[in-house]
Amino acid sequence: MSIVLNHMISWRIYAVGKKRSA
């Protein structure tokens, strides 16, 4: 897995969690 791809996946998970919290 490339670093960029890994970063995008991690950011997506973080965004989903933030949306759930809100």
Protein backbone atom coordinates (compact mmCIF):
# COMPACT_ATOMS: atom_id res chain seq x y z
CA MET A 1 0.00 0.00 0.00
CA SER A 2 1.30 3.44 -0.89
CA ILE A 3 1.68 6.14 1.77
CA VAL A 4 -0.77 8.44 -0.03
CA LEU A 5 -3.42 5.72 -0.25
CA ASN A 6 -2.94 4.85 3.42
CA HIS A 7 -3.25 8.52 4.37
CA MET A 8 -6.48 8.92 2.37
CA ILE A 9 -8.00 5.84 4.02
CA SER A 10 -7.05 7.04 7.51
CA TRP A 11 -8.48 10.51 6.80
CA ARG A 12 -11.71 8.96 5.50
CA ILE A 13 -12.12 6.88 8.67
CA TYR A 14 -11.45 9.99 10.79
CA ALA A 15 -14.01 12.00 8.81
CA VAL A 16 -16.65 9.27 9.21
CA GLY A 17 -16.03 9.12 12.96
CA LYS A 18 -16.31 12.90 13.23
CA LYS A 19 -19.62 12.86 11.33
CA ARG A 20 -20.97 10.17 13.64
CA SER A 21 -19.97 12.21 16.70
CA ALA A 22 -21.75 15.26 15.27
